PDB file of all heavy atoms in Angstrom:
ATOM      1  N   LYS A   1       0.852  -1.177  -0.051  1.00  0.00           N
ATOM      2  CA  LYS A   1       0.003  -0.017  -0.045  1.00  0.00           C
ATOM      3  C   LYS A   1       0.856   1.213   0.009  1.00  0.00           C
ATOM      4  O   LYS A   1       0.316   2.411   0.298  1.00  0.00           O
ATOM      5  CB  LYS A   1      -1.066  -0.074   1.256  1.00  0.00           C
ATOM      6  CG  LYS A   1      -2.071  -1.068   1.098  1.00  0.00           C
ATOM      7  CD  LYS A   1      -3.117  -0.895   2.099  1.00  0.00           C
ATOM      8  CE  LYS A   1      -4.243  -2.042   1.869  1.00  0.00           C
ATOM      9  NZ  LYS A   1      -5.286  -1.871   2.852  1.00  0.00           N
ATOM     10  N   LYS A   2       2.132   1.165  -0.293  1.00  0.00           N
ATOM     11  CA  LYS A   2       3.069   2.142  -0.506  1.00  0.00           C
ATOM     12  C   LYS A   2       3.315   2.983   0.787  1.00  0.00           C
ATOM     13  O   LYS A   2       3.629   4.175   0.814  1.00  0.00           O
ATOM     14  CB  LYS A   2       2.575   3.194  -1.553  1.00  0.00           C
ATOM     15  CG  LYS A   2       2.382   2.564  -2.909  1.00  0.00           C
ATOM     16  CD  LYS A   2       3.654   1.880  -3.490  1.00  0.00           C
ATOM     17  CE  LYS A   2       3.488   1.282  -4.781  1.00  0.00           C
ATOM     18  NZ  LYS A   2       4.648   0.562  -5.247  1.00  0.00           N
ATOM     19  N   THR A   3       3.311   2.250   1.924  1.00  0.00           N
ATOM     20  CA  THR A   3       3.799   2.908   3.188  1.00  0.00           C
ATOM     21  C   THR A   3       5.302   2.638   3.222  1.00  0.00           C
ATOM     22  O   THR A   3       5.823   1.539   3.068  1.00  0.00           O
ATOM     23  CB  THR A   3       3.079   2.150   4.444  1.00  0.00           C
ATOM     24  OG1 THR A   3       1.682   2.272   4.257  1.00  0.00           O
ATOM     25  CG2 THR A   3       3.609   2.680   5.726  1.00  0.00           C
ATOM     26  N   TYR A   4       6.004   3.708   3.543  1.00  0.00           N
ATOM     27  CA  TYR A   4       7.559   3.696   3.632  1.00  0.00           C
ATOM     28  C   TYR A   4       7.740   3.586   5.243  1.00  0.00           C
ATOM     29  O   TYR A   4       7.526   4.586   5.881  1.00  0.00           O
ATOM     30  CB  TYR A   4       8.078   4.828   3.044  1.00  0.00           C
ATOM     31  CG  TYR A   4       8.134   4.887   1.517  1.00  0.00           C
ATOM     32  CD1 TYR A   4       6.967   5.093   0.778  1.00  0.00           C
ATOM     33  CD2 TYR A   4       9.415   4.685   0.728  1.00  0.00           C
ATOM     34  CE1 TYR A   4       7.004   5.058  -0.701  1.00  0.00           C
ATOM     35  CE2 TYR A   4       9.364   4.673  -0.531  1.00  0.00           C
ATOM     36  CZ  TYR A   4       8.234   4.886  -1.271  1.00  0.00           C
ATOM     37  OH  TYR A   4       8.277   4.903  -2.633  1.00  0.00           O
ATOM     38  N   ILE A   5       8.334   2.527   5.662  1.00  0.00           N
ATOM     39  CA  ILE A   5       8.513   2.382   7.109  1.00  0.00           C
ATOM     40  C   ILE A   5       9.795   1.497   7.368  1.00  0.00           C
ATOM     41  O   ILE A   5      10.110   0.752   6.490  1.00  0.00           O
ATOM     42  CB  ILE A   5       7.190   1.691   7.678  1.00  0.00           C
ATOM     43  CG1 ILE A   5       7.158   1.898   9.240  1.00  0.00           C
ATOM     44  CG2 ILE A   5       6.974   0.262   7.254  1.00  0.00           C
ATOM     45  CD1 ILE A   5       5.687   1.855   9.761  1.00  0.00           C
ATOM     46  N   ALA A   6      10.307   1.590   8.486  1.00  0.00           N
ATOM     47  CA  ALA A   6      11.539   0.908   8.807  1.00  0.00           C
ATOM     48  C   ALA A   6      11.514   0.632  10.254  1.00  0.00           C
ATOM     49  O   ALA A   6      10.676   1.026  10.973  1.00  0.00           O
ATOM     50  CB  ALA A   6      12.715   1.675   8.364  1.00  0.00           C
ATOM     51  N   PRO A   7      12.525  -0.185  10.794  1.00  0.00           N
ATOM     52  CA  PRO A   7      12.619  -0.431  12.226  1.00  0.00           C
ATOM     53  C   PRO A   7      12.771   0.909  12.952  1.00  0.00           C
ATOM     54  O   PRO A   7      12.590   0.983  14.133  1.00  0.00           O
ATOM     55  CB  PRO A   7      13.723  -1.429  12.391  1.00  0.00           C
ATOM     56  CG  PRO A   7      13.728  -2.090  11.050  1.00  0.00           C
ATOM     57  CD  PRO A   7      13.454  -1.096  10.013  1.00  0.00           C
ATOM     58  N   PHE A   8      13.435   1.781  12.298  1.00  0.00           N
ATOM     59  CA  PHE A   8      13.801   3.129  12.849  1.00  0.00           C
ATOM     60  C   PHE A   8      12.924   4.081  12.342  1.00  0.00           C
ATOM     61  O   PHE A   8      12.147   4.069  11.218  1.00  0.00           O
ATOM     62  CB  PHE A   8      15.182   3.643  12.495  1.00  0.00           C
ATOM     63  CG  PHE A   8      15.465   3.620  11.115  1.00  0.00           C
ATOM     64  CD1 PHE A   8      15.369   5.027  10.474  1.00  0.00           C
ATOM     65  CD2 PHE A   8      15.910   2.691  10.247  1.00  0.00           C
ATOM     66  CE1 PHE A   8      15.644   5.171   9.117  1.00  0.00           C
ATOM     67  CE2 PHE A   8      16.215   2.808   8.927  1.00  0.00           C
ATOM     68  CZ  PHE A   8      15.987   4.048   8.295  1.00  0.00           C
ATOM     69  N   VAL A   9      12.664   5.322  12.965  1.00  0.00           N
ATOM     70  CA  VAL A   9      12.040   6.553  12.530  1.00  0.00           C
ATOM     71  C   VAL A   9      12.923   7.679  12.628  1.00  0.00           C
ATOM     72  O   VAL A   9      13.615   7.852  13.742  1.00  0.00           O
ATOM     73  CB  VAL A   9      10.741   6.800  13.381  1.00  0.00           C
ATOM     74  CG1 VAL A   9       9.864   7.834  12.815  1.00  0.00           C
ATOM     75  CG2 VAL A   9       9.770   5.500  13.666  1.00  0.00           C
ATOM     76  N   ASN A  10      12.893   8.438  11.515  1.00  0.00           N
ATOM     77  CA  ASN A  10      13.802   9.645  11.620  1.00  0.00           C
ATOM     78  C   ASN A  10      12.936  10.918  11.568  1.00  0.00           C
ATOM     79  O   ASN A  10      11.988  10.986  10.953  1.00  0.00           O
ATOM     80  CB  ASN A  10      14.844   9.797  10.576  1.00  0.00           C
ATOM     81  CG  ASN A  10      14.387   9.409   9.149  1.00  0.00           C
ATOM     82  OD1 ASN A  10      14.816   8.443   8.555  1.00  0.00           O
ATOM     83  ND2 ASN A  10      13.411  10.060   8.582  1.00  0.00           N
ATOM     84  N   ALA A  11      13.273  11.896  12.456  1.00  0.00           N
ATOM     85  CA  ALA A  11      12.495  13.140  12.621  1.00  0.00           C
ATOM     86  C   ALA A  11      13.278  14.259  13.217  1.00  0.00           C
ATOM     87  O   ALA A  11      14.417  13.984  13.690  1.00  0.00           O
ATOM     88  CB  ALA A  11      11.286  12.793  13.400  1.00  0.00           C
ATOM     89  N   GLU A  12      12.646  15.482  13.061  1.00  0.00           N
ATOM     90  CA  GLU A  12      13.378  16.691  13.603  1.00  0.00           C
ATOM     91  C   GLU A  12      13.161  16.583  15.181  1.00  0.00           C
ATOM     92  O   GLU A  12      12.308  15.782  15.714  1.00  0.00           O
ATOM     93  CB  GLU A  12      12.682  17.895  13.092  1.00  0.00           C
ATOM     94  CG  GLU A  12      11.251  18.042  13.417  1.00  0.00           C
ATOM     95  CD  GLU A  12      10.709  19.407  12.994  1.00  0.00           C
ATOM     96  OE1 GLU A  12      11.506  20.383  12.771  1.00  0.00           O
ATOM     97  OE2 GLU A  12       9.550  19.508  13.025  1.00  0.00           O
ATOM     98  N   GLY A  13      13.879  17.523  15.790  1.00  0.00           N
ATOM     99  CA  GLY A  13      13.695  17.526  17.294  1.00  0.00           C
ATOM    100  C   GLY A  13      12.517  18.275  17.757  1.00  0.00           C
ATOM    101  O   GLY A  13      11.642  17.799  18.548  1.00  0.00           O
ATOM    102  N   PRO A  14      12.311  19.571  17.257  1.00  0.00           N
ATOM    103  CA  PRO A  14      11.096  20.299  17.791  1.00  0.00           C
ATOM    104  C   PRO A  14       9.871  19.627  17.485  1.00  0.00           C
ATOM    105  O   PRO A  14       9.567  19.019  16.437  1.00  0.00           O
ATOM    106  CB  PRO A  14      11.151  21.587  16.853  1.00  0.00           C
ATOM    107  CG  PRO A  14      12.656  21.802  16.506  1.00  0.00           C
ATOM    108  CD  PRO A  14      13.075  20.278  16.292  1.00  0.00           C
ATOM    109  N   GLN A  15       8.891  19.731  18.413  1.00  0.00           N
ATOM    110  CA  GLN A  15       7.587  19.093  18.243  1.00  0.00           C
ATOM    111  C   GLN A  15       6.599  19.824  19.197  1.00  0.00           C
ATOM    112  O   GLN A  15       6.897  20.373  20.233  1.00  0.00           O
ATOM    113  CB  GLN A  15       7.603  17.584  18.614  1.00  0.00           C
ATOM    114  CG  GLN A  15       8.206  17.309  20.060  1.00  0.00           C
ATOM    115  CD  GLN A  15       8.344  15.829  20.254  1.00  0.00           C
ATOM    116  OE1 GLN A  15       8.667  15.044  19.448  1.00  0.00           O
ATOM    117  NE2 GLN A  15       8.029  15.454  21.539  1.00  0.00           N
ATOM    118  N   TYR A  16       5.387  19.809  18.706  1.00  0.00           N
ATOM    119  CA  TYR A  16       4.328  20.466  19.405  1.00  0.00           C
ATOM    120  C   TYR A  16       3.053  19.642  19.421  1.00  0.00           C
ATOM    121  O   TYR A  16       2.667  19.126  18.365  1.00  0.00           O
ATOM    122  CB  TYR A  16       3.965  21.817  18.738  1.00  0.00           C
ATOM    123  CG  TYR A  16       5.143  22.835  18.843  1.00  0.00           C
ATOM    124  CD1 TYR A  16       6.132  22.894  17.751  1.00  0.00           C
ATOM    125  CD2 TYR A  16       5.346  23.695  19.896  1.00  0.00           C
ATOM    126  CE1 TYR A  16       7.170  23.808  17.875  1.00  0.00           C
ATOM    127  CE2 TYR A  16       6.441  24.499  19.884  1.00  0.00           C
ATOM    128  CZ  TYR A  16       7.286  24.544  18.923  1.00  0.00           C
ATOM    129  OH  TYR A  16       8.395  25.446  18.940  1.00  0.00           O
ATOM    130  N   LEU A  17       2.445  19.482  20.605  1.00  0.00           N
ATOM    131  CA  LEU A  17       1.173  18.802  20.684  1.00  0.00           C
ATOM    132  C   LEU A  17       0.298  19.550  21.695  1.00  0.00           C
ATOM    133  O   LEU A  17       0.723  19.641  22.777  1.00  0.00           O
ATOM    134  CB  LEU A  17       1.336  17.353  21.143  1.00  0.00           C
ATOM    135  CG  LEU A  17       0.021  16.529  21.182  1.00  0.00           C
ATOM    136  CD1 LEU A  17      -0.748  16.532  19.970  1.00  0.00           C
ATOM    137  CD2 LEU A  17       0.308  15.182  21.714  1.00  0.00           C
ATOM    138  N   VAL A  18      -0.798  20.138  21.227  1.00  0.00           N
ATOM    139  CA  VAL A  18      -1.696  20.951  21.964  1.00  0.00           C
ATOM    140  C   VAL A  18      -2.908  20.135  22.104  1.00  0.00           C
ATOM    141  O   VAL A  18      -3.639  19.773  21.095  1.00  0.00           O
ATOM    142  CB  VAL A  18      -1.827  22.336  21.455  1.00  0.00           C
ATOM    143  CG1 VAL A  18      -2.731  23.167  22.505  1.00  0.00           C
ATOM    144  CG2 VAL A  18      -0.571  23.026  21.265  1.00  0.00           C
ATOM    145  N   ILE A  19      -3.458  19.845  23.292  1.00  0.00           N
ATOM    146  CA  ILE A  19      -4.645  18.955  23.386  1.00  0.00           C
ATOM    147  C   ILE A  19      -5.710  19.610  24.304  1.00  0.00           C
ATOM    148  O   ILE A  19      -5.365  20.252  25.419  1.00  0.00           O
ATOM    149  CB  ILE A  19      -4.330  17.627  24.037  1.00  0.00           C
ATOM    150  CG1 ILE A  19      -3.309  16.864  23.210  1.00  0.00           C
ATOM    151  CG2 ILE A  19      -5.611  16.734  24.122  1.00  0.00           C
ATOM    152  CD1 ILE A  19      -2.827  15.569  23.791  1.00  0.00           C
ATOM    153  N   GLU A  20      -6.937  19.673  23.838  1.00  0.00           N
ATOM    154  CA  GLU A  20      -8.027  20.038  24.644  1.00  0.00           C
ATOM    155  C   GLU A  20      -8.255  19.166  25.813  1.00  0.00           C
ATOM    156  O   GLU A  20      -8.319  17.962  25.618  1.00  0.00           O
ATOM    157  CB  GLU A  20      -9.322  20.169  23.830  1.00  0.00           C
ATOM    158  CG  GLU A  20     -10.555  20.532  24.522  1.00  0.00           C
ATOM    159  CD  GLU A  20     -11.883  20.363  23.730  1.00  0.00           C
ATOM    160  OE1 GLU A  20     -11.833  20.002  22.518  1.00  0.00           O
ATOM    161  OE2 GLU A  20     -12.999  20.569  24.321  1.00  0.00           O
ATOM    162  N   ASP A  21      -8.289  19.572  27.049  1.00  0.00           N
ATOM    163  CA  ASP A  21      -8.271  18.781  28.201  1.00  0.00           C
ATOM    164  C   ASP A  21      -9.611  18.308  28.462  1.00  0.00           C
ATOM    165  O   ASP A  21     -10.332  18.837  29.480  1.00  0.00           O
ATOM    166  CB  ASP A  21      -7.658  19.661  29.372  1.00  0.00           C
ATOM    167  CG  ASP A  21      -7.229  18.625  30.452  1.00  0.00           C
ATOM    168  OD1 ASP A  21      -7.451  17.419  30.454  1.00  0.00           O
ATOM    169  OD2 ASP A  21      -6.556  19.111  31.381  1.00  0.00           O
ATOM    170  N   SER A  22     -10.132  17.342  27.706  1.00  0.00           N
ATOM    171  CA  SER A  22     -11.577  16.954  27.965  1.00  0.00           C
ATOM    172  C   SER A  22     -11.434  15.315  27.960  1.00  0.00           C
ATOM    173  O   SER A  22     -11.547  14.671  26.802  1.00  0.00           O
ATOM    174  CB  SER A  22     -12.471  17.361  26.812  1.00  0.00           C
ATOM    175  OG  SER A  22     -13.757  16.885  26.912  1.00  0.00           O
ATOM    176  N   PHE A  23     -11.214  14.776  29.107  1.00  0.00           N
ATOM    177  CA  PHE A  23     -11.049  13.322  29.265  1.00  0.00           C
ATOM    178  C   PHE A  23     -11.970  12.811  30.384  1.00  0.00           C
ATOM    179  O   PHE A  23     -11.629  12.803  31.598  1.00  0.00           O
ATOM    180  CB  PHE A  23      -9.612  13.002  29.600  1.00  0.00           C
ATOM    181  CG  PHE A  23      -8.656  13.299  28.311  1.00  0.00           C
ATOM    182  CD1 PHE A  23      -8.219  14.487  28.059  1.00  0.00           C
ATOM    183  CD2 PHE A  23      -8.237  12.205  27.579  1.00  0.00           C
ATOM    184  CE1 PHE A  23      -7.375  14.764  27.019  1.00  0.00           C
ATOM    185  CE2 PHE A  23      -7.410  12.480  26.389  1.00  0.00           C
ATOM    186  CZ  PHE A  23      -6.953  13.723  26.204  1.00  0.00           C
ATOM    187  N   PRO A  24     -13.044  12.279  30.016  1.00  0.00           N
ATOM    188  CA  PRO A  24     -14.070  12.051  31.070  1.00  0.00           C
ATOM    189  C   PRO A  24     -13.791  10.861  31.950  1.00  0.00           C
ATOM    190  O   PRO A  24     -14.359  10.618  33.064  1.00  0.00           O
ATOM    191  CB  PRO A  24     -15.394  11.795  30.375  1.00  0.00           C
ATOM    192  CG  PRO A  24     -14.927  11.382  28.931  1.00  0.00           C
ATOM    193  CD  PRO A  24     -13.724  12.257  28.724  1.00  0.00           C
ATOM    194  N   ASN A  25     -12.853  10.017  31.473  1.00  0.00           N
ATOM    195  CA  ASN A  25     -12.389   8.881  32.310  1.00  0.00           C
ATOM    196  C   ASN A  25     -10.927   8.894  32.763  1.00  0.00           C
ATOM    197  O   ASN A  25     -10.298   7.969  33.036  1.00  0.00           O
ATOM    198  CB  ASN A  25     -12.545   7.466  31.458  1.00  0.00           C
ATOM    199  CG  ASN A  25     -12.479   6.303  32.346  1.00  0.00           C
ATOM    200  OD1 ASN A  25     -12.898   6.263  33.554  1.00  0.00           O
ATOM    201  ND2 ASN A  25     -11.967   5.180  31.710  1.00  0.00           N
ATOM    202  N   GLY A  26     -10.480  10.226  32.872  1.00  0.00           N
ATOM    203  CA  GLY A  26      -9.122  10.485  33.219  1.00  0.00           C
ATOM    204  C   GLY A  26      -8.126  10.375  32.029  1.00  0.00           C
ATOM    205  O   GLY A  26      -8.546   9.967  30.857  1.00  0.00           O
ATOM    206  N   ARG A  27      -6.818  10.624  32.324  1.00  0.00           N
ATOM    207  CA  ARG A  27      -5.922  10.596  31.237  1.00  0.00           C
ATOM    208  C   ARG A  27      -4.456  10.504  31.813  1.00  0.00           C
ATOM    209  O   ARG A  27      -4.273  10.760  32.985  1.00  0.00           O
ATOM    210  CB  ARG A  27      -5.966  11.944  30.400  1.00  0.00           C
ATOM    211  CG  ARG A  27      -5.742  13.169  31.210  1.00  0.00           C
ATOM    212  CD  ARG A  27      -5.486  14.433  30.338  1.00  0.00           C
ATOM    213  NE  ARG A  27      -5.344  15.663  31.086  1.00  0.00           N
ATOM    214  CZ  ARG A  27      -4.106  16.087  31.591  1.00  0.00           C
ATOM    215  NH1 ARG A  27      -3.155  15.323  31.486  1.00  0.00           N
ATOM    216  NH2 ARG A  27      -4.107  17.122  32.265  1.00  0.00           N
ATOM    217  N   PRO A  28      -3.492  10.159  30.964  1.00  0.00           N
ATOM    218  CA  PRO A  28      -2.082  10.262  31.399  1.00  0.00           C
ATOM    219  C   PRO A  28      -1.678  11.751  31.673  1.00  0.00           C
ATOM    220  O   PRO A  28      -2.349  12.614  31.248  1.00  0.00           O
ATOM    221  CB  PRO A  28      -1.342   9.739  30.212  1.00  0.00           C
ATOM    222  CG  PRO A  28      -2.305   8.872  29.391  1.00  0.00           C
ATOM    223  CD  PRO A  28      -3.679   9.668  29.567  1.00  0.00           C
ATOM    224  N   ALA A  29      -0.608  11.819  32.440  1.00  0.00           N
ATOM    225  CA  ALA A  29      -0.023  13.199  32.730  1.00  0.00           C
ATOM    226  C   ALA A  29       0.784  13.787  31.644  1.00  0.00           C
ATOM    227  O   ALA A  29       1.892  13.967  31.750  1.00  0.00           O
ATOM    228  CB  ALA A  29       0.779  13.089  34.060  1.00  0.00           C
ATOM    229  N   PHE A  30       0.075  14.055  30.490  1.00  0.00           N
ATOM    230  CA  PHE A  30       0.646  14.489  29.358  1.00  0.00           C
ATOM    231  C   PHE A  30       1.502  15.713  29.448  1.00  0.00           C
ATOM    232  O   PHE A  30       2.579  15.860  28.877  1.00  0.00           O
ATOM    233  CB  PHE A  30      -0.285  14.802  28.158  1.00  0.00           C
ATOM    234  CG  PHE A  30      -0.966  13.514  27.611  1.00  0.00           C
ATOM    235  CD1 PHE A  30      -2.378  13.516  27.495  1.00  0.00           C
ATOM    236  CD2 PHE A  30      -0.220  12.540  27.121  1.00  0.00           C
ATOM    237  CE1 PHE A  30      -2.846  12.361  26.923  1.00  0.00           C
ATOM    238  CE2 PHE A  30      -0.775  11.358  26.571  1.00  0.00           C
ATOM    239  CZ  PHE A  30      -2.167  11.231  26.393  1.00  0.00           C
ATOM    240  N   GLU A  31       1.126  16.707  30.297  1.00  0.00           N
ATOM    241  CA  GLU A  31       1.910  17.878  30.601  1.00  0.00           C
ATOM    242  C   GLU A  31       3.250  17.639  31.024  1.00  0.00           C
ATOM    243  O   GLU A  31       4.181  18.381  30.755  1.00  0.00           O
ATOM    244  CB  GLU A  31       1.155  18.802  31.498  1.00  0.00           C
ATOM    245  CG  GLU A  31       0.965  18.251  32.983  1.00  0.00           C
ATOM    246  CD  GLU A  31      -0.303  17.483  33.023  1.00  0.00           C
ATOM    247  OE1 GLU A  31      -0.944  17.126  31.893  1.00  0.00           O
ATOM    248  OE2 GLU A  31      -0.662  17.048  34.141  1.00  0.00           O
ATOM    249  N   LYS A  32       3.465  16.370  31.694  1.00  0.00           N
ATOM    250  CA  LYS A  32       4.935  16.010  32.042  1.00  0.00           C
ATOM    251  C   LYS A  32       5.709  15.490  31.093  1.00  0.00           C
ATOM    252  O   LYS A  32       6.859  15.122  31.331  1.00  0.00           O
ATOM    253  CB  LYS A  32       4.649  15.108  33.419  1.00  0.00           C
ATOM    254  CG  LYS A  32       4.016  15.788  34.536  1.00  0.00           C
ATOM    255  CD  LYS A  32       4.015  14.839  35.770  1.00  0.00           C
ATOM    256  CE  LYS A  32       3.350  15.517  36.962  1.00  0.00           C
ATOM    257  NZ  LYS A  32       3.231  14.827  38.230  1.00  0.00           N
ATOM    258  N   ALA A  33       5.179  15.466  29.836  1.00  0.00           N
ATOM    259  CA  ALA A  33       5.937  14.963  28.686  1.00  0.00           C
ATOM    260  C   ALA A  33       6.025  15.937  27.654  1.00  0.00           C
ATOM    261  O   ALA A  33       6.146  15.712  26.396  1.00  0.00           O
ATOM    262  CB  ALA A  33       5.466  13.711  28.114  1.00  0.00           C
ATOM    263  N   GLY A  34       5.761  17.284  28.063  1.00  0.00           N
ATOM    264  CA  GLY A  34       5.868  18.496  27.102  1.00  0.00           C
ATOM    265  C   GLY A  34       4.688  18.734  26.267  1.00  0.00           C
ATOM    266  O   GLY A  34       4.735  19.501  25.351  1.00  0.00           O
ATOM    267  N   VAL A  35       3.453  18.133  26.609  1.00  0.00           N
ATOM    268  CA  VAL A  35       2.275  18.318  25.875  1.00  0.00           C
ATOM    269  C   VAL A  35       1.515  19.542  26.483  1.00  0.00           C
ATOM    270  O   VAL A  35       1.501  19.683  27.659  1.00  0.00           O
ATOM    271  CB  VAL A  35       1.430  17.108  25.865  1.00  0.00           C
ATOM    272  CG1 VAL A  35       0.117  17.388  25.211  1.00  0.00           C
ATOM    273  CG2 VAL A  35       2.176  15.962  25.247  1.00  0.00           C
ATOM    274  N   TYR A  36       0.979  20.469  25.727  1.00  0.00           N
ATOM    275  CA  TYR A  36       0.291  21.523  26.156  1.00  0.00           C
ATOM    276  C   TYR A  36      -1.268  21.145  26.331  1.00  0.00           C
ATOM    277  O   TYR A  36      -1.997  20.870  25.361  1.00  0.00           O
ATOM    278  CB  TYR A  36       0.301  22.734  25.167  1.00  0.00           C
ATOM    279  CG  TYR A  36       1.581  23.259  24.976  1.00  0.00           C
ATOM    280  CD1 TYR A  36       2.457  22.711  23.928  1.00  0.00           C
ATOM    281  CD2 TYR A  36       2.022  24.347  25.728  1.00  0.00           C
ATOM    282  CE1 TYR A  36       3.737  23.334  23.771  1.00  0.00           C
ATOM    283  CE2 TYR A  36       3.382  25.000  25.512  1.00  0.00           C
ATOM    284  CZ  TYR A  36       4.207  24.255  24.597  1.00  0.00           C
ATOM    285  OH  TYR A  36       5.432  24.830  24.321  1.00  0.00           O
TER     286      TYR A  36
END
């Protein structure tokens, strides 16, 4: 299906994930891993 994938993943360093805090059954402590 033309997916290019390998045992490794290469990417840049900077990353941003902003999430609306709406989790009716609780959630992981995302903010402690750099998530907004």
